């Protein structure tokens, strides 16, 4: 329990997505990530993408689920440090 809330972590592997990206099929990669995101949005309160390559797949999604990605978090961290 953290902050008065029970926290459960579900990890999901989108089989074949990395191979699609490595093969240059960004559209198919992003579509698979978005599909997994849609399925997760029915079960979770927040999603954290493990890889920066997944971040652009969030564009064009129509849900209010917070999705945390390393590029966004990294840039926000750099911005905070520069403002200090």
N, C-alpha and C. Protein backbone atom coordinates (compact mmCIF):
# COMPACT_ATOMS: atom_id res chain seq x y z
N UNK A 1 0.84 -1.17 0.00
CA UNK A 1 0.00 0.00 0.00
C UNK A 1 0.89 1.24 0.00
N UNK A 2 0.60 2.18 -0.90
CA UNK A 2 1.36 3.43 -0.99
C UNK A 2 0.38 4.59 -0.98
N UNK A 3 0.66 5.56 -0.12
CA UNK A 3 -0.18 6.74 -0.09
C UNK A 3 -1.64 6.43 0.18
N UNK A 4 -1.91 5.37 0.93
CA UNK A 4 -3.28 5.00 1.22
C UNK A 4 -3.99 4.26 0.10
N UNK A 5 -3.26 3.87 -0.93
CA UNK A 5 -3.86 3.14 -2.05
C UNK A 5 -3.17 1.79 -2.23
N UNK A 6 -3.95 0.81 -2.54
CA UNK A 6 -3.37 -0.46 -2.95
C UNK A 6 -2.83 -0.30 -4.37
N UNK A 7 -1.60 -0.71 -4.58
CA UNK A 7 -0.97 -0.57 -5.88
C UNK A 7 -0.66 -1.95 -6.43
N UNK A 8 -1.09 -2.19 -7.64
CA UNK A 8 -0.77 -3.44 -8.33
C UNK A 8 -0.09 -3.08 -9.65
N UNK A 9 0.91 -3.84 -10.00
CA UNK A 9 1.64 -3.59 -11.24
C UNK A 9 1.39 -4.75 -12.19
N UNK A 10 0.90 -4.43 -13.36
CA UNK A 10 0.72 -5.41 -14.42
C UNK A 10 1.75 -5.10 -15.50
N UNK A 11 2.52 -6.09 -15.90
CA UNK A 11 3.43 -5.84 -17.01
C UNK A 11 2.90 -6.56 -18.24
N UNK A 12 3.00 -5.86 -19.35
CA UNK A 12 2.46 -6.37 -20.61
C UNK A 12 3.56 -6.32 -21.66
N UNK A 13 3.73 -7.41 -22.36
CA UNK A 13 4.67 -7.47 -23.47
C UNK A 13 3.86 -7.53 -24.76
N UNK A 14 4.11 -6.60 -25.64
CA UNK A 14 3.42 -6.60 -26.93
C UNK A 14 4.30 -7.39 -27.90
N UNK A 15 3.97 -8.66 -28.02
CA UNK A 15 4.76 -9.58 -28.84
C UNK A 15 4.89 -9.10 -30.27
N UNK A 16 6.10 -9.06 -30.77
CA UNK A 16 6.36 -8.72 -32.16
C UNK A 16 6.48 -7.24 -32.46
N UNK A 17 6.13 -6.37 -31.50
CA UNK A 17 6.17 -4.93 -31.77
C UNK A 17 7.60 -4.46 -32.05
N UNK A 18 8.56 -4.92 -31.27
CA UNK A 18 9.94 -4.48 -31.48
C UNK A 18 10.46 -4.94 -32.85
N UNK A 19 10.11 -6.14 -33.23
CA UNK A 19 10.55 -6.66 -34.53
C UNK A 19 9.98 -5.81 -35.67
N UNK A 20 8.73 -5.38 -35.52
CA UNK A 20 8.14 -4.50 -36.53
C UNK A 20 8.90 -3.19 -36.62
N UNK A 21 9.22 -2.62 -35.47
CA UNK A 21 9.96 -1.36 -35.45
C UNK A 21 11.35 -1.53 -36.05
N UNK A 22 12.03 -2.60 -35.66
CA UNK A 22 13.37 -2.86 -36.17
C UNK A 22 13.36 -3.08 -37.68
N UNK A 23 12.25 -3.61 -38.18
CA UNK A 23 12.11 -3.84 -39.61
C UNK A 23 11.64 -2.61 -40.37
N UNK A 24 11.42 -1.51 -39.66
CA UNK A 24 11.04 -0.27 -40.31
C UNK A 24 9.54 -0.03 -40.44
N UNK A 25 8.73 -0.92 -39.90
CA UNK A 25 7.28 -0.76 -40.00
C UNK A 25 6.75 -0.04 -38.75
N UNK A 26 6.99 1.24 -38.71
CA UNK A 26 6.62 2.05 -37.55
C UNK A 26 5.10 2.08 -37.37
N UNK A 27 4.36 2.17 -38.46
CA UNK A 27 2.89 2.22 -38.38
C UNK A 27 2.33 0.96 -37.71
N UNK A 28 2.80 -0.21 -38.10
CA UNK A 28 2.31 -1.45 -37.50
C UNK A 28 2.73 -1.54 -36.04
N UNK A 29 3.95 -1.12 -35.74
CA UNK A 29 4.44 -1.09 -34.36
C UNK A 29 3.52 -0.23 -33.50
N UNK A 30 3.27 1.00 -33.97
CA UNK A 30 2.44 1.92 -33.21
C UNK A 30 1.02 1.39 -33.05
N UNK A 31 0.49 0.76 -34.08
CA UNK A 31 -0.86 0.20 -34.01
C UNK A 31 -0.94 -0.88 -32.93
N UNK A 32 0.07 -1.72 -32.84
CA UNK A 32 0.07 -2.77 -31.81
C UNK A 32 0.17 -2.16 -30.41
N UNK A 33 0.98 -1.14 -30.26
CA UNK A 33 1.12 -0.47 -28.96
C UNK A 33 -0.21 0.19 -28.58
N UNK A 34 -0.85 0.87 -29.54
CA UNK A 34 -2.14 1.51 -29.26
C UNK A 34 -3.21 0.50 -28.89
N UNK A 35 -3.21 -0.65 -29.55
CA UNK A 35 -4.18 -1.70 -29.22
C UNK A 35 -3.98 -2.17 -27.78
N UNK A 36 -2.75 -2.41 -27.40
CA UNK A 36 -2.45 -2.83 -26.03
C UNK A 36 -2.85 -1.73 -25.04
N UNK A 37 -2.62 -0.49 -25.41
CA UNK A 37 -2.98 0.64 -24.56
C UNK A 37 -4.49 0.71 -24.36
N UNK A 38 -5.23 0.51 -25.43
CA UNK A 38 -6.69 0.52 -25.34
C UNK A 38 -7.19 -0.58 -24.40
N UNK A 39 -6.61 -1.76 -24.52
CA UNK A 39 -7.00 -2.87 -23.65
C UNK A 39 -6.67 -2.55 -22.20
N UNK A 40 -5.49 -1.99 -21.96
CA UNK A 40 -5.09 -1.63 -20.60
C UNK A 40 -5.95 -0.53 -20.02
N UNK A 41 -6.40 0.39 -20.85
CA UNK A 41 -7.17 1.53 -20.36
C UNK A 41 -8.45 1.10 -19.66
N UNK A 42 -8.90 -0.11 -19.92
CA UNK A 42 -10.09 -0.64 -19.27
C UNK A 42 -9.80 -1.19 -17.88
N UNK A 43 -8.50 -1.37 -17.55
CA UNK A 43 -8.14 -2.06 -16.31
C UNK A 43 -7.25 -1.28 -15.36
N UNK A 44 -6.57 -0.24 -15.84
CA UNK A 44 -5.56 0.42 -15.02
C UNK A 44 -5.82 1.92 -14.93
N UNK A 45 -5.11 2.57 -13.99
CA UNK A 45 -5.24 4.02 -13.80
C UNK A 45 -4.15 4.81 -14.51
N UNK A 46 -3.02 4.17 -14.78
CA UNK A 46 -1.90 4.84 -15.42
C UNK A 46 -1.05 3.78 -16.14
N UNK A 47 -0.41 4.20 -17.23
CA UNK A 47 0.48 3.31 -17.99
C UNK A 47 1.85 3.95 -18.04
N UNK A 48 2.88 3.15 -17.86
CA UNK A 48 4.26 3.61 -17.99
C UNK A 48 4.89 2.80 -19.12
N UNK A 49 5.31 3.49 -20.18
CA UNK A 49 6.00 2.81 -21.28
C UNK A 49 7.45 2.57 -20.89
N UNK A 50 7.93 1.38 -21.12
CA UNK A 50 9.28 1.01 -20.72
C UNK A 50 10.34 1.51 -21.69
N UNK A 51 9.95 1.80 -22.92
CA UNK A 51 10.94 2.18 -23.93
C UNK A 51 10.55 3.48 -24.61
N UNK A 52 11.54 4.30 -24.87
CA UNK A 52 11.30 5.57 -25.54
C UNK A 52 10.68 5.39 -26.92
N UNK A 53 10.99 4.29 -27.58
CA UNK A 53 10.47 4.06 -28.92
C UNK A 53 8.95 3.91 -28.94
N UNK A 54 8.34 3.71 -27.79
CA UNK A 54 6.89 3.54 -27.71
C UNK A 54 6.16 4.88 -27.58
N UNK A 55 6.87 5.94 -27.25
CA UNK A 55 6.25 7.21 -26.90
C UNK A 55 5.38 7.80 -28.01
N UNK A 56 5.84 7.73 -29.25
CA UNK A 56 5.07 8.34 -30.33
C UNK A 56 3.80 7.58 -30.65
N UNK A 57 3.65 6.37 -30.16
CA UNK A 57 2.44 5.59 -30.40
C UNK A 57 1.23 6.18 -29.67
N UNK A 58 1.48 7.02 -28.68
CA UNK A 58 0.38 7.62 -27.91
C UNK A 58 -0.38 8.66 -28.74
N UNK A 59 0.31 9.28 -29.67
CA UNK A 59 -0.36 10.30 -30.50
C UNK A 59 -1.55 9.68 -31.23
N UNK A 60 -2.64 10.42 -31.22
CA UNK A 60 -3.82 9.96 -31.94
C UNK A 60 -4.72 9.05 -31.12
N UNK A 61 -4.39 8.82 -29.86
CA UNK A 61 -5.27 8.01 -29.03
C UNK A 61 -6.31 8.92 -28.39
N UNK A 62 -7.50 8.38 -28.17
CA UNK A 62 -8.61 9.19 -27.67
C UNK A 62 -9.07 8.72 -26.30
N UNK A 63 -8.17 8.66 -25.36
CA UNK A 63 -8.56 8.29 -24.00
C UNK A 63 -7.87 9.23 -23.03
N UNK A 64 -8.36 9.24 -21.81
CA UNK A 64 -7.81 10.17 -20.82
C UNK A 64 -6.84 9.49 -19.88
N UNK A 65 -6.47 8.27 -20.16
CA UNK A 65 -5.54 7.52 -19.32
C UNK A 65 -4.17 8.18 -19.35
N UNK A 66 -3.58 8.50 -18.19
CA UNK A 66 -2.22 9.05 -18.19
C UNK A 66 -1.22 8.00 -18.69
N UNK A 67 -0.39 8.41 -19.62
CA UNK A 67 0.65 7.54 -20.15
C UNK A 67 1.98 8.24 -19.92
N UNK A 68 2.83 7.62 -19.11
CA UNK A 68 4.13 8.17 -18.79
C UNK A 68 5.16 7.55 -19.71
N UNK A 69 5.96 8.40 -20.33
CA UNK A 69 6.98 7.92 -21.25
C UNK A 69 8.32 8.53 -20.88
N UNK A 70 9.39 7.82 -21.13
CA UNK A 70 10.71 8.31 -20.73
C UNK A 70 11.11 9.60 -21.44
N UNK A 71 10.80 9.80 -22.73
CA UNK A 71 11.20 11.08 -23.33
C UNK A 71 10.53 12.27 -22.63
N UNK A 72 9.25 12.15 -22.37
CA UNK A 72 8.53 13.25 -21.72
C UNK A 72 9.07 13.47 -20.31
N UNK A 73 9.20 12.41 -19.54
CA UNK A 73 9.70 12.54 -18.18
C UNK A 73 11.14 13.07 -18.17
N UNK A 74 11.93 12.62 -19.11
CA UNK A 74 13.32 13.08 -19.20
C UNK A 74 13.41 14.57 -19.50
N UNK A 75 12.63 15.02 -20.45
CA UNK A 75 12.63 16.45 -20.81
C UNK A 75 12.11 17.28 -19.65
N UNK A 76 11.06 16.81 -18.99
CA UNK A 76 10.54 17.55 -17.82
C UNK A 76 11.61 17.64 -16.72
N UNK A 77 12.37 16.59 -16.52
CA UNK A 77 13.43 16.59 -15.52
C UNK A 77 14.52 17.59 -15.90
N UNK A 78 14.93 17.59 -17.16
CA UNK A 78 15.94 18.54 -17.63
C UNK A 78 15.44 19.97 -17.45
N UNK A 79 14.18 20.20 -17.80
CA UNK A 79 13.61 21.54 -17.66
C UNK A 79 13.64 22.00 -16.20
N UNK A 80 13.23 21.13 -15.29
CA UNK A 80 13.26 21.47 -13.85
C UNK A 80 14.66 21.81 -13.40
N UNK A 81 15.63 21.02 -13.83
CA UNK A 81 17.02 21.26 -13.43
C UNK A 81 17.56 22.57 -13.99
N UNK A 82 17.19 22.89 -15.21
CA UNK A 82 17.65 24.13 -15.82
C UNK A 82 17.01 25.35 -15.17
N UNK A 83 15.80 25.19 -14.68
CA UNK A 83 15.11 26.30 -14.04
C UNK A 83 15.61 26.56 -12.61
N UNK A 84 16.36 25.64 -12.05
CA UNK A 84 16.85 25.81 -10.68
C UNK A 84 17.97 26.81 -10.61
